[in-house]
Amino acid sequence: TFKSNNVMSFGRVMVANDFVGKHVGSFLVKSMIAEARHLGYDGVGILVDDFNTRATQLYYHLGFVKEGRNIFPWAELDILALYF
């Protein structure tokens, strides 16, 4: 799915409504990025629905770029990646 085979991917990062807007999601994703670097991965990737604008904005803010879009049996998703 990603342009590099050595990418740590993650998905379904969810934040409870009580914590939305309090940078919890940002903290979680930044922690995963740091762990991927520590473990020697080339980058981090995620598949995301384009209607999930809050998450997509966060990923772009953290430096992720869109590598493409793929149609899966369950959804059509954007492919976002951040390479180190």
Protein backbone atom coordinates (compact mmCIF):
# COMPACT_ATOMS: atom_id res chain seq x y z
CA THR A 1 0.00 0.00 0.00
CA PHE A 2 2.82 2.42 0.85
CA LYS A 3 5.75 3.37 -1.41
CA SER A 4 8.24 1.92 1.09
CA ASN A 5 8.06 -1.58 2.56
CA ASN A 6 9.65 -0.43 5.83
CA VAL A 7 6.74 1.69 7.04
CA MET A 8 4.97 1.32 10.38
CA SER A 9 1.27 1.72 9.73
CA PHE A 10 -1.45 2.48 12.21
CA GLY A 11 -5.18 2.91 12.13
CA ARG A 12 -8.31 3.60 14.09
CA VAL A 13 -6.84 6.19 16.40
CA MET A 14 -9.85 7.43 18.30
CA VAL A 15 -10.25 10.03 20.99
CA ALA A 16 -13.24 10.13 23.34
CA ASN A 17 -15.53 13.12 22.80
CA ASP A 18 -14.55 14.56 26.19
CA PHE A 19 -10.94 14.86 24.98
CA VAL A 20 -11.46 16.15 21.44
CA GLY A 21 -9.66 19.46 20.93
CA LYS A 22 -7.27 18.85 23.84
CA HIS A 23 -4.33 17.60 21.70
CA VAL A 24 -4.73 13.97 22.79
CA GLY A 25 -4.83 12.74 19.18
CA SER A 26 -1.75 14.77 18.35
CA PHE A 27 0.07 13.32 21.35
CA LEU A 28 -0.83 9.77 20.31
CA VAL A 29 0.28 10.18 16.70
CA LYS A 30 3.50 11.98 17.70
CA SER A 31 4.25 9.12 20.11
CA MET A 32 3.76 6.58 17.32
CA ILE A 33 6.06 8.58 15.03
CA ALA A 34 8.75 8.70 17.73
CA GLU A 35 8.43 4.93 18.30
CA ALA A 36 8.69 4.21 14.57
CA ARG A 37 11.88 6.29 14.36
CA HIS A 38 13.29 4.58 17.45
CA LEU A 39 12.61 1.15 15.93
CA GLY A 40 14.31 2.07 12.65
CA TYR A 41 11.34 2.35 10.30
CA ASP A 42 11.58 4.57 7.21
CA GLY A 43 8.31 6.26 8.04
CA VAL A 44 4.73 6.00 9.25
CA GLY A 45 1.59 5.50 7.19
CA ILE A 46 -2.17 5.47 7.59
CA LEU A 47 -5.25 4.89 5.49
CA VAL A 48 -7.91 7.51 6.16
CA ASP A 49 -11.39 8.36 4.88
CA ASP A 50 -11.43 11.77 3.24
CA PHE A 51 -14.61 12.64 5.18
CA ASN A 52 -12.58 12.45 8.42
CA THR A 53 -11.40 16.03 8.03
CA ARG A 54 -10.19 16.53 11.63
CA ALA A 55 -7.87 13.54 11.41
CA THR A 56 -6.71 14.41 7.89
CA GLN A 57 -5.87 17.97 8.98
CA LEU A 58 -3.88 16.61 11.93
CA TYR A 59 -1.88 14.25 9.71
CA TYR A 60 -1.08 17.02 7.21
CA HIS A 61 -0.13 19.34 10.08
CA LEU A 62 2.34 16.69 11.32
CA GLY A 63 3.94 16.41 7.87
CA PHE A 64 2.11 13.49 6.28
CA VAL A 65 1.64 13.64 2.51
CA LYS A 66 -0.94 11.95 0.34
CA GLU A 67 0.57 9.10 -1.66
CA GLY A 68 -2.64 8.18 -3.40
CA ARG A 69 -6.04 6.62 -2.95
CA ASN A 70 -7.03 2.98 -2.99
CA ILE A 71 -10.32 1.15 -3.28
CA PHE A 72 -10.65 -1.65 -0.77
CA PRO A 73 -13.62 -4.03 -0.40
CA TRP A 74 -14.76 -2.06 2.66
CA ALA A 75 -14.00 1.55 1.63
CA GLU A 76 -12.17 3.97 -0.64
CA LEU A 77 -9.34 5.46 1.43
CA ASP A 78 -6.58 8.04 1.09
CA ILE A 79 -3.05 6.75 1.63
CA LEU A 80 -1.03 9.17 3.80
CA ALA A 81 2.62 8.73 4.76
CA LEU A 82 5.37 10.52 6.64
CA TYR A 83 8.94 9.52 5.78
CA PHE A 84 11.97 10.32 7.90
